[in-house]
């Protein structure tokens, strides 16, 4: 069954370069990836400083990239996090938001995602206030698709511990109040779900009164706990039968753009092959396609060290040998491995909290 696949660039940490984004789209578009939502947490003009316009140079890059995506047949979108806007959506906030939406429209949006994640949520009338904001936005934006990330976008109790206890019936109220044309992101039973069951997706569909727009937090590897690992393994726990339970499937990639393409391609293979999908063979094929035979074989051989051991459990001798191996290969994927081995992708808690 066909499913709309795409990227939601929603990680913490150093954003990809525009050249890297273009390279990723050139790699994934032939595999059916049809949208890219730009929403790196480090872009302050989409988060804490959302009321300010992007600097001219960055706005020009976004506009150029939007045109590039369209030329490739890929929808371009932006994820805007208007920080705690639902606490005071008065005239001043509406004026600022209207100006921001106009700025984004000038860049050329197909998709607009309004992201209420990573904000306090234990507030009265949360669903009602958020629905009001979204309906107001829907009348202002020129984007043809509007998507919202709820404050509580997973069953995971960690959201309640960090952002306050979710209001009773929050999902049901949001689904009931929200125009059915507005899509809703969902990450699953966990923030980083290891698998998805049809029963879970059916239950969430009933709560939201629409099929969830899946925000898949794999292979993302941001933050202090995940950044010491390279998430390269093929997709598992995402059977092709999910397609009938989703409106779309967005992948949140890793900090390493080239290496992120490996699991992303295997997801397309899983949907295409159904019960015939073999994740090991799918990874080998993707690694050869993206990295070439020599580098692809090396990455597959070191998979346990990259994703099982992680940096903190590699011995100095192991690191030395792998650095020698990957430094000798002239390829963006090899350079990402070298940077990871050198600790360049490590993230601290303070980096996350500052975003």
Protein backbone atom coordinates (compact mmCIF):
# COMPACT_ATOMS: atom_id res chain seq x y z
CA UNK A 1 0.00 0.00 0.00
CA UNK A 2 1.33 3.47 -0.88
CA UNK A 3 2.34 5.86 1.90
CA UNK A 4 3.57 9.44 1.71
CA UNK A 5 7.15 9.53 3.00
CA UNK A 6 9.22 12.56 3.94
CA UNK A 7 11.66 14.17 6.34
CA UNK A 8 10.97 16.30 9.39
CA UNK A 9 14.27 17.95 10.23
CA UNK A 10 13.45 18.30 13.91
CA UNK A 11 16.65 17.45 15.76
CA UNK A 12 18.68 19.37 18.37
CA UNK A 13 22.29 20.17 17.57
CA UNK A 14 24.19 21.65 14.64
CA UNK A 15 21.91 21.92 11.60
CA UNK A 16 22.83 20.44 8.26
CA UNK A 17 24.24 22.71 5.59
CA UNK A 18 22.12 23.63 2.58
CA UNK A 19 24.43 21.58 0.37
CA UNK A 20 23.85 18.57 2.63
CA UNK A 21 20.08 19.03 2.45
CA UNK A 22 20.20 19.08 -1.34
CA UNK A 23 22.32 15.95 -1.38
CA UNK A 24 19.87 14.16 0.91
CA UNK A 25 16.89 15.10 -1.26
CA UNK A 26 18.72 13.97 -4.39
CA UNK A 27 19.31 10.62 -2.66
CA UNK A 28 15.86 10.06 -1.15
CA UNK A 29 13.47 11.53 -3.72
CA UNK A 30 13.96 8.54 -6.09
CA UNK A 31 12.87 6.29 -3.18
CA UNK A 32 9.55 8.06 -2.82
CA UNK A 33 10.38 10.76 -0.26
CA UNK A 34 8.03 13.53 -1.23
CA UNK A 35 8.29 16.24 1.45
CA UNK A 36 10.91 17.96 3.61
CA UNK A 37 9.91 20.01 6.63
CA UNK A 38 12.70 22.29 7.82
CA UNK A 39 12.55 22.61 11.62
CA UNK A 40 15.99 22.24 13.25
CA UNK A 41 15.82 23.17 16.91
CA UNK A 42 18.91 25.38 16.53
CA UNK A 43 17.07 27.81 14.23
CA UNK A 44 16.13 30.38 16.86
CA UNK A 45 14.00 32.32 14.36
CA UNK A 46 11.57 29.41 14.35
CA UNK A 47 11.63 29.02 18.15
CA UNK A 48 12.60 31.45 20.93
CA UNK A 49 13.05 34.36 18.49
CA UNK A 50 10.14 33.39 16.27
CA UNK A 51 8.75 36.94 16.29
CA UNK A 52 11.85 38.16 14.42
CA UNK A 53 12.29 37.63 10.67
CA UNK A 54 15.10 35.40 9.45
CA UNK A 55 18.22 37.38 8.52
CA UNK A 56 18.30 38.22 4.81
CA UNK A 57 20.97 35.64 3.94
CA UNK A 58 19.16 32.82 5.71
CA UNK A 59 15.80 33.83 4.22
CA UNK A 60 17.39 33.71 0.77
CA UNK A 61 18.75 30.22 1.45
CA UNK A 62 15.30 29.02 2.54
CA UNK A 63 13.70 30.51 -0.54
CA UNK A 64 16.29 28.92 -2.81
CA UNK A 65 15.92 25.56 -1.11
CA UNK A 66 12.14 25.74 -1.42
CA UNK A 67 12.53 26.20 -5.19
CA UNK A 68 15.04 23.32 -5.31
CA UNK A 69 12.60 20.96 -3.58
CA UNK A 70 9.78 21.92 -5.90
CA UNK A 71 12.02 21.31 -8.91
CA UNK A 72 12.60 17.79 -7.57
CA UNK A 73 8.90 17.17 -7.07
CA UNK A 74 9.29 17.41 -3.28
CA UNK A 75 7.01 19.48 -1.03
CA UNK A 76 8.84 22.03 1.13
CA UNK A 77 7.67 22.98 4.58
CA UNK A 78 8.76 24.77 7.75
CA UNK A 79 8.12 23.89 11.37
CA UNK A 80 7.32 26.97 13.47
CA UNK A 81 7.39 26.79 17.28
CA UNK A 82 5.68 29.96 18.54
CA UNK A 83 6.84 29.58 22.12
CA UNK A 84 3.87 29.26 24.52
CA UNK A 85 1.72 31.41 22.24
CA UNK A 86 -1.37 29.68 23.62
CA UNK A 87 -0.84 31.42 26.97
CA UNK A 88 -1.62 34.86 25.53
CA UNK A 89 -3.02 34.95 22.01
CA UNK A 90 -4.00 38.61 22.04
CA UNK A 91 -3.74 41.37 19.45
CA UNK A 92 0.02 41.84 19.89
CA UNK A 93 0.70 38.12 19.42
CA UNK A 94 -1.61 37.96 16.39
CA UNK A 95 0.18 40.89 14.75
CA UNK A 96 3.57 39.24 15.27
CA UNK A 97 2.32 35.87 14.05
CA UNK A 98 0.72 37.37 10.94
CA UNK A 99 4.03 39.02 10.06
CA UNK A 100 5.90 35.74 10.57
CA UNK A 101 3.46 33.79 8.41
CA UNK A 102 3.82 36.39 5.65
CA UNK A 103 7.61 36.03 5.82
CA UNK A 104 7.33 32.25 5.51
CA UNK A 105 4.83 32.53 2.66
CA UNK A 106 7.32 34.62 0.71
CA UNK A 107 9.81 31.76 0.95
CA UNK A 108 7.32 29.43 -0.71
CA UNK A 109 5.71 26.86 1.59
CA UNK A 110 3.73 23.77 0.67
CA UNK A 111 3.55 22.60 4.28
CA UNK A 112 3.38 24.58 7.51
CA UNK A 113 3.88 22.72 10.77
CA UNK A 114 2.98 24.46 14.03
CA UNK A 115 4.97 22.76 16.78
CA UNK A 116 3.67 22.97 20.36
CA UNK A 117 6.15 20.37 21.63
CA UNK A 118 8.80 21.07 24.28
CA UNK A 119 6.60 23.62 26.04
CA UNK A 120 4.68 23.58 29.30
CA UNK A 121 1.33 21.84 28.84
CA UNK A 122 -0.38 21.49 32.23
CA UNK A 123 -2.61 24.47 31.57
CA UNK A 124 -6.40 24.89 31.52
CA UNK A 125 -8.13 24.84 28.13
CA UNK A 126 -4.90 23.76 26.39
CA UNK A 127 -6.63 21.95 23.52
CA UNK A 128 -9.21 24.72 23.07
CA UNK A 129 -6.58 27.47 22.94
CA UNK A 130 -4.36 25.55 20.54
CA UNK A 131 -7.28 24.77 18.23
CA UNK A 132 -8.21 28.47 18.19
CA UNK A 133 -4.65 29.41 17.17
CA UNK A 134 -4.54 26.79 14.43
CA UNK A 135 -7.86 27.85 12.95
CA UNK A 136 -6.64 31.45 12.93
CA UNK A 137 -3.40 30.39 11.21
CA UNK A 138 -5.28 28.33 8.62
CA UNK A 139 -6.94 31.53 7.44
CA UNK A 140 -3.62 33.36 7.09
CA UNK A 141 -1.10 30.94 5.60
CA UNK A 142 -0.80 30.15 1.92
CA UNK A 143 0.58 26.68 2.68
CA UNK A 144 -1.67 23.97 1.26
CA UNK A 145 -1.18 21.67 4.27
CA UNK A 146 -1.23 22.59 7.95
CA UNK A 147 0.12 20.14 10.54
CA UNK A 148 0.28 20.51 14.31
CA UNK A 149 2.52 18.80 16.83
CA UNK A 150 0.53 18.60 20.09
CA UNK A 151 2.14 19.41 23.41
CA UNK A 152 1.68 15.73 24.26
CA UNK A 153 2.58 13.90 21.06
CA UNK A 154 3.19 10.47 22.55
CA UNK A 155 1.92 8.22 25.33
CA UNK A 156 5.39 8.49 26.88
CA UNK A 157 5.22 9.57 30.53
CA UNK A 158 8.48 11.49 30.19
CA UNK A 159 6.49 14.31 28.60
CA UNK A 160 4.37 14.65 31.74
CA UNK A 161 7.45 14.61 33.98
CA UNK A 162 9.20 17.34 31.99
CA UNK A 163 6.32 19.57 30.82
CA UNK A 164 3.66 18.94 33.46
CA UNK A 165 0.79 16.47 33.71
CA UNK A 166 -1.20 16.40 30.49
CA UNK A 167 -4.79 17.63 30.83
CA UNK A 168 -7.47 14.94 30.97
CA UNK A 169 -8.78 14.02 27.49
CA UNK A 170 -6.28 16.36 25.84
CA UNK A 171 -5.98 14.31 22.63
CA UNK A 172 -9.71 13.67 22.41
CA UNK A 173 -10.48 17.37 22.91
CA UNK A 174 -7.90 18.46 20.36
CA UNK A 175 -9.20 15.98 17.80
CA UNK A 176 -12.80 17.04 18.40
CA UNK A 177 -12.13 20.78 18.23
CA UNK A 178 -9.69 20.79 15.34
CA UNK A 179 -10.79 21.11 11.71
CA UNK A 180 -10.44 17.63 10.14
CA UNK A 181 -8.30 19.17 7.37
CA UNK A 182 -5.52 19.93 9.87
CA UNK A 183 -3.08 17.04 10.33
CA UNK A 184 -1.71 15.96 13.73
CA UNK A 185 1.81 14.65 14.39
CA UNK A 186 2.26 11.60 16.63
CA UNK A 187 5.47 9.76 17.61
CA UNK A 188 3.92 6.61 19.05
CA UNK A 189 3.89 4.87 22.40
CA UNK A 190 7.27 6.44 23.16
CA UNK A 191 9.00 9.64 22.12
CA UNK A 192 11.45 7.39 20.28
CA UNK A 193 9.24 4.41 19.51
CA UNK A 194 10.95 1.11 18.79
CA UNK A 195 7.96 -0.27 16.93
CA UNK A 196 4.35 0.46 16.00
CA UNK A 197 1.36 -1.82 16.36
CA UNK A 198 -1.85 -1.61 14.38
CA UNK A 199 -3.85 -1.63 17.62
CA UNK A 200 -1.99 1.40 18.92
CA UNK A 201 -2.42 3.35 15.70
CA UNK A 202 -6.12 2.48 15.53
CA UNK A 203 -6.64 3.70 19.10
CA UNK A 204 -4.83 6.99 18.41
CA UNK A 205 -6.84 7.45 15.21
CA UNK A 206 -10.02 7.21 17.27
CA UNK A 207 -8.72 9.74 19.80
CA UNK A 208 -7.60 12.24 17.17
CA UNK A 209 -10.58 11.63 14.85
CA UNK A 210 -8.07 11.35 11.98
CA UNK A 211 -5.14 9.15 11.05
CA UNK A 212 -1.94 10.35 12.72
CA UNK A 213 0.81 11.99 10.70
CA UNK A 214 3.68 9.91 12.03
CA UNK A 215 6.77 11.73 13.35
CA UNK A 216 9.23 8.84 13.50
CA UNK A 217 12.12 9.57 15.87
CA UNK A 218 14.53 7.16 14.21
CA UNK A 219 17.34 7.51 13.20
CA UNK A 220 17.57 10.82 15.11
CA UNK A 221 20.52 10.75 17.55
CA UNK A 222 20.56 14.15 19.21
CA UNK A 223 20.99 14.98 22.89
CA UNK A 224 23.52 13.76 25.45
CA UNK A 225 22.21 10.17 25.58
CA UNK A 226 21.93 9.43 21.86
CA UNK A 227 24.66 11.54 20.26
CA UNK A 228 27.43 9.05 21.22
CA UNK A 229 25.77 6.55 18.85
CA UNK A 230 25.50 6.36 15.08
CA UNK A 231 21.99 5.22 14.19
CA UNK A 232 22.54 3.35 10.94
CA UNK A 233 20.61 0.10 11.36
CA UNK A 234 17.78 -0.60 8.95
CA UNK A 235 14.23 0.19 9.97
CA UNK A 236 12.40 -2.54 11.89
CA UNK A 237 9.13 -2.55 13.81
CA UNK A 238 7.50 -0.56 11.01
CA UNK A 239 5.54 -3.11 8.97
CA UNK A 240 4.06 -2.21 5.62
CA UNK A 241 0.58 -2.68 7.05
CA UNK A 242 1.07 0.63 8.93
CA UNK A 243 0.37 2.48 5.71
CA UNK A 244 -3.37 2.09 6.06
CA UNK A 245 -3.28 3.57 9.56
CA UNK A 246 -1.27 6.73 8.79
CA UNK A 247 -1.85 9.91 6.83
CA UNK A 248 1.91 10.19 6.17
CA UNK A 249 5.23 9.02 7.61
CA UNK A 250 7.90 11.63 8.45
CA UNK A 251 11.40 10.55 9.44
CA UNK A 252 13.39 12.69 11.89
CA UNK A 253 16.95 12.11 10.68
CA UNK A 254 20.25 11.85 12.52
CA UNK A 255 22.85 14.58 12.89
CA UNK A 256 24.76 12.86 10.08
CA UNK A 257 22.93 13.68 6.80
CA UNK A 258 24.60 11.13 4.53
CA UNK A 259 24.38 8.24 6.99
CA UNK A 260 20.73 9.10 7.73
CA UNK A 261 19.91 8.08 4.17
CA UNK A 262 20.66 4.43 4.92
CA UNK A 263 17.77 3.73 7.35
CA UNK A 264 15.54 6.13 5.41
CA UNK A 265 15.95 4.07 2.25
CA UNK A 266 15.24 0.85 4.13
CA UNK A 267 11.94 2.31 5.35
CA UNK A 268 10.88 2.79 1.73
CA UNK A 269 11.97 -0.79 1.07
CA UNK A 270 9.90 -2.05 3.99
CA UNK A 271 6.74 -0.41 2.67
CA UNK A 272 7.45 -1.62 -0.86
CA UNK A 273 8.40 -5.22 -0.01
CA UNK A 274 5.87 -5.93 2.74
CA UNK A 275 6.29 -9.42 4.15
CA UNK A 276 9.26 -10.01 1.83
CA UNK A 277 11.30 -7.25 3.53
CA UNK A 278 14.66 -8.37 4.94
CA UNK A 279 16.24 -5.62 7.00
CA UNK A 280 19.81 -6.91 6.81
CA UNK A 281 19.81 -7.15 3.04
CA UNK A 282 18.01 -3.84 2.76
CA UNK A 283 20.77 -2.13 4.76
CA UNK A 284 23.49 -3.68 2.61
CA UNK A 285 21.79 -2.43 -0.55
CA UNK A 286 21.26 1.06 0.86
CA UNK A 287 24.86 1.26 2.11
CA UNK A 288 26.23 0.29 -1.30
CA UNK A 289 23.97 2.77 -3.08
CA UNK A 290 24.74 5.74 -0.83
CA UNK A 291 28.34 5.04 0.18
CA UNK A 292 29.76 2.89 -2.57
CA UNK A 293 30.94 -0.71 -2.17
CA UNK A 294 34.12 -0.17 -0.13
CA UNK A 295 32.71 2.33 2.38
CA UNK A 296 29.33 0.58 2.50
CA UNK A 297 30.91 -2.73 3.45
CA UNK A 298 33.08 -1.05 6.10
CA UNK A 299 30.07 0.67 7.70
CA UNK A 300 28.10 -2.58 7.78
CA UNK A 301 31.06 -4.38 9.38
CA UNK A 302 31.35 -1.73 12.10
CA UNK A 303 27.62 -1.53 12.77
CA UNK A 304 27.93 -3.07 16.24
CA UNK A 305 30.62 -0.60 17.26
CA UNK A 306 28.66 2.37 15.91
CA UNK A 307 25.21 1.59 17.23
CA UNK A 308 25.79 -1.12 19.85
CA UNK A 309 28.90 0.04 21.69
CA UNK A 310 28.79 3.75 21.06
CA UNK A 311 31.73 6.10 21.59
CA UNK A 312 31.97 5.58 25.34
CA UNK A 313 32.58 1.84 25.02
CA UNK A 314 35.09 1.94 22.19
CA UNK A 315 38.68 1.31 23.21
CA UNK A 316 41.39 3.75 22.08
CA UNK A 317 42.78 1.02 19.83
CA UNK A 318 39.38 0.50 18.16
CA UNK A 319 39.01 4.24 17.60
CA UNK A 320 42.53 4.49 16.18
CA UNK A 321 41.99 1.66 13.72
CA UNK A 322 38.63 2.98 12.55
CA UNK A 323 39.99 6.52 12.17
CA UNK A 324 42.75 5.19 9.92
CA UNK A 325 40.23 3.23 7.86
CA UNK A 326 37.68 6.01 7.34
CA UNK A 327 40.12 8.90 6.98
CA UNK A 328 41.55 7.14 3.94
CA UNK A 329 38.18 7.23 2.12
CA UNK A 330 37.16 10.44 0.35
CA UNK A 331 33.39 10.47 0.81
CA UNK A 332 30.93 12.63 2.82
CA UNK A 333 29.75 9.52 4.69
CA UNK A 334 33.31 8.65 5.70
CA UNK A 335 33.87 12.20 6.90
CA UNK A 336 30.76 11.92 9.07
CA UNK A 337 32.13 8.73 10.65
CA UNK A 338 35.49 10.42 11.30
CA UNK A 339 33.80 13.45 12.88
CA UNK A 340 31.71 11.13 15.09
CA UNK A 341 34.81 9.18 16.16
CA UNK A 342 36.48 12.49 17.07
CA UNK A 343 33.51 13.41 19.28
CA UNK A 344 32.38 16.31 17.08
CA UNK A 345 28.71 15.31 17.32
CA UNK A 346 28.58 14.97 21.12
CA UNK A 347 25.87 17.06 22.71
CA UNK A 348 25.40 18.31 26.25
CA UNK A 349 22.21 18.92 28.20
CA UNK A 350 22.93 22.64 28.18
CA UNK A 351 22.93 22.66 24.35
CA UNK A 352 19.48 21.12 24.31
CA UNK A 353 18.11 23.47 26.94
CA UNK A 354 19.44 26.51 25.08
CA UNK A 355 17.45 25.69 21.92
